[in-house]
């Protein structure tokens, strides 16, 4: 993942991007979440490869794993 994702304060305000591009990781994730396929993303952005997109997913998974967020529960009044 680290060879495909970069964070540079001089590029995209320090957002995580696919290395060698100005394509933010969050943009790739949002496009996938909205139904775009990996193949469509590669066609839309010819400078990236399948491995770059998988690195974006890996990066997001790592962030989600490292942070603990409380989940609110709804108690029933039964």
C-alpha atoms as a PDB file:
ATOM      1  CA  UNK A   1       0.000   0.000   0.000  1.00  0.00           C
ATOM      2  CA  UNK A   2       2.723   2.495   0.926  1.00  0.00           C
ATOM      3  CA  UNK A   3       4.315   2.266  -2.512  1.00  0.00           C
ATOM      4  CA  UNK A   4       1.004   3.296  -4.131  1.00  0.00           C
ATOM      5  CA  UNK A   5      -0.423   5.896  -1.696  1.00  0.00           C
ATOM      6  CA  UNK A   6       1.298   9.155  -0.800  1.00  0.00           C
ATOM      7  CA  UNK A   7       0.587  11.998   1.575  1.00  0.00           C
ATOM      8  CA  UNK A   8       2.384  15.221   0.731  1.00  0.00           C
ATOM      9  CA  UNK A   9       1.379  18.577   2.245  1.00  0.00           C
ATOM     10  CA  UNK A  10       2.220  20.198  -1.116  1.00  0.00           C
ATOM     11  CA  UNK A  11      -0.196  17.995  -3.088  1.00  0.00           C
ATOM     12  CA  UNK A  12      -3.971  18.207  -2.637  1.00  0.00           C
ATOM     13  CA  UNK A  13      -3.561  19.902   0.751  1.00  0.00           C
ATOM     14  CA  UNK A  14      -1.963  16.794   2.235  1.00  0.00           C
ATOM     15  CA  UNK A  15      -4.809  14.425   1.401  1.00  0.00           C
ATOM     16  CA  UNK A  16      -3.885  10.815   0.722  1.00  0.00           C
ATOM     17  CA  UNK A  17      -3.506  10.394  -3.058  1.00  0.00           C
ATOM     18  CA  UNK A  18      -2.533   7.722  -5.492  1.00  0.00           C
ATOM     19  CA  UNK A  19       1.223   8.168  -5.800  1.00  0.00           C
ATOM     20  CA  UNK A  20       2.312  10.148  -8.847  1.00  0.00           C
ATOM     21  CA  UNK A  21      -1.167  11.604  -9.367  1.00  0.00           C
ATOM     22  CA  UNK A  22      -3.430  14.203  -7.829  1.00  0.00           C
ATOM     23  CA  UNK A  23      -6.237  11.679  -7.450  1.00  0.00           C
ATOM     24  CA  UNK A  24      -7.320  11.560  -3.789  1.00  0.00           C
ATOM     25  CA  UNK A  25      -8.037   8.216  -2.181  1.00  0.00           C
ATOM     26  CA  UNK A  26     -11.406   9.500  -0.964  1.00  0.00           C
ATOM     27  CA  UNK A  27     -12.470  10.237  -4.550  1.00  0.00           C
ATOM     28  CA  UNK A  28     -11.778   6.651  -5.626  1.00  0.00           C
ATOM     29  CA  UNK A  29     -13.630   5.296  -2.588  1.00  0.00           C
ATOM     30  CA  UNK A  30     -16.649   7.522  -3.214  1.00  0.00           C
ATOM     31  CA  UNK A  31     -16.814   6.478  -6.840  1.00  0.00           C
ATOM     32  CA  UNK A  32     -16.698   2.802  -5.865  1.00  0.00           C
ATOM     33  CA  UNK A  33     -19.375   3.398  -3.220  1.00  0.00           C
ATOM     34  CA  UNK A  34     -21.558   5.040  -5.864  1.00  0.00           C
ATOM     35  CA  UNK A  35     -21.413   1.940  -8.051  1.00  0.00           C
ATOM     36  CA  UNK A  36     -18.474   2.551 -10.355  1.00  0.00           C
ATOM     37  CA  UNK A  37     -16.442  -0.557 -11.098  1.00  0.00           C
ATOM     38  CA  UNK A  38     -12.677  -0.878 -10.974  1.00  0.00           C
ATOM     39  CA  UNK A  39     -12.684  -1.266 -14.752  1.00  0.00           C
ATOM     40  CA  UNK A  40     -14.660   1.986 -15.173  1.00  0.00           C
ATOM     41  CA  UNK A  41     -12.238   3.848 -12.915  1.00  0.00           C
ATOM     42  CA  UNK A  42      -9.253   2.580 -14.890  1.00  0.00           C
ATOM     43  CA  UNK A  43     -10.945   3.713 -18.093  1.00  0.00           C
ATOM     44  CA  UNK A  44     -11.779   7.122 -16.570  1.00  0.00           C
ATOM     45  CA  UNK A  45      -8.261   7.561 -15.144  1.00  0.00           C
ATOM     46  CA  UNK A  46      -5.792   5.848 -17.500  1.00  0.00           C
ATOM     47  CA  UNK A  47      -2.850   6.826 -15.287  1.00  0.00           C
ATOM     48  CA  UNK A  48      -3.957   4.446 -12.504  1.00  0.00           C
ATOM     49  CA  UNK A  49      -3.886   0.670 -12.279  1.00  0.00           C
ATOM     50  CA  UNK A  50      -6.018  -1.934 -10.549  1.00  0.00           C
ATOM     51  CA  UNK A  51      -3.370  -2.209  -7.827  1.00  0.00           C
ATOM     52  CA  UNK A  52      -3.739   1.527  -7.090  1.00  0.00           C
ATOM     53  CA  UNK A  53      -7.470   1.122  -6.511  1.00  0.00           C
ATOM     54  CA  UNK A  54      -6.908  -1.906  -4.291  1.00  0.00           C
ATOM     55  CA  UNK A  55      -4.330   0.123  -2.341  1.00  0.00           C
ATOM     56  CA  UNK A  56      -7.013   2.805  -1.786  1.00  0.00           C
ATOM     57  CA  UNK A  57      -9.309   0.161  -0.306  1.00  0.00           C
ATOM     58  CA  UNK A  58      -6.488  -1.205   1.831  1.00  0.00           C
ATOM     59  CA  UNK A  59      -5.645   2.298   3.064  1.00  0.00           C
ATOM     60  CA  UNK A  60      -9.270   2.957   4.035  1.00  0.00           C
ATOM     61  CA  UNK A  61      -9.493  -0.395   5.797  1.00  0.00           C
ATOM     62  CA  UNK A  62      -6.369   0.363   7.780  1.00  0.00           C
ATOM     63  CA  UNK A  63      -7.767   3.726   8.883  1.00  0.00           C
ATOM     64  CA  UNK A  64     -11.074   2.190   9.915  1.00  0.00           C
ATOM     65  CA  UNK A  65      -9.300  -0.505  11.906  1.00  0.00           C
ATOM     66  CA  UNK A  66      -7.085   1.927  13.803  1.00  0.00           C
ATOM     67  CA  UNK A  67      -9.800   4.243  15.041  1.00  0.00           C
ATOM     68  CA  UNK A  68     -12.345   3.303  17.626  1.00  0.00           C
ATOM     69  CA  UNK A  69     -15.668   5.032  17.201  1.00  0.00           C
ATOM     70  CA  UNK A  70     -18.474   4.534  19.681  1.00  0.00           C
ATOM     71  CA  UNK A  71     -21.603   3.151  18.126  1.00  0.00           C
ATOM     72  CA  UNK A  72     -24.837   4.416  19.592  1.00  0.00           C
ATOM     73  CA  UNK A  73     -27.314   1.738  20.514  1.00  0.00           C
ATOM     74  CA  UNK A  74     -31.028   2.153  20.781  1.00  0.00           C
ATOM     75  CA  UNK A  75     -32.463   0.522  23.843  1.00  0.00           C
ATOM     76  CA  UNK A  76     -36.001  -0.758  23.578  1.00  0.00           C
ATOM     77  CA  UNK A  77     -38.451   0.043  26.311  1.00  0.00           C
ATOM     78  CA  UNK A  78     -39.910  -3.476  26.441  1.00  0.00           C
END
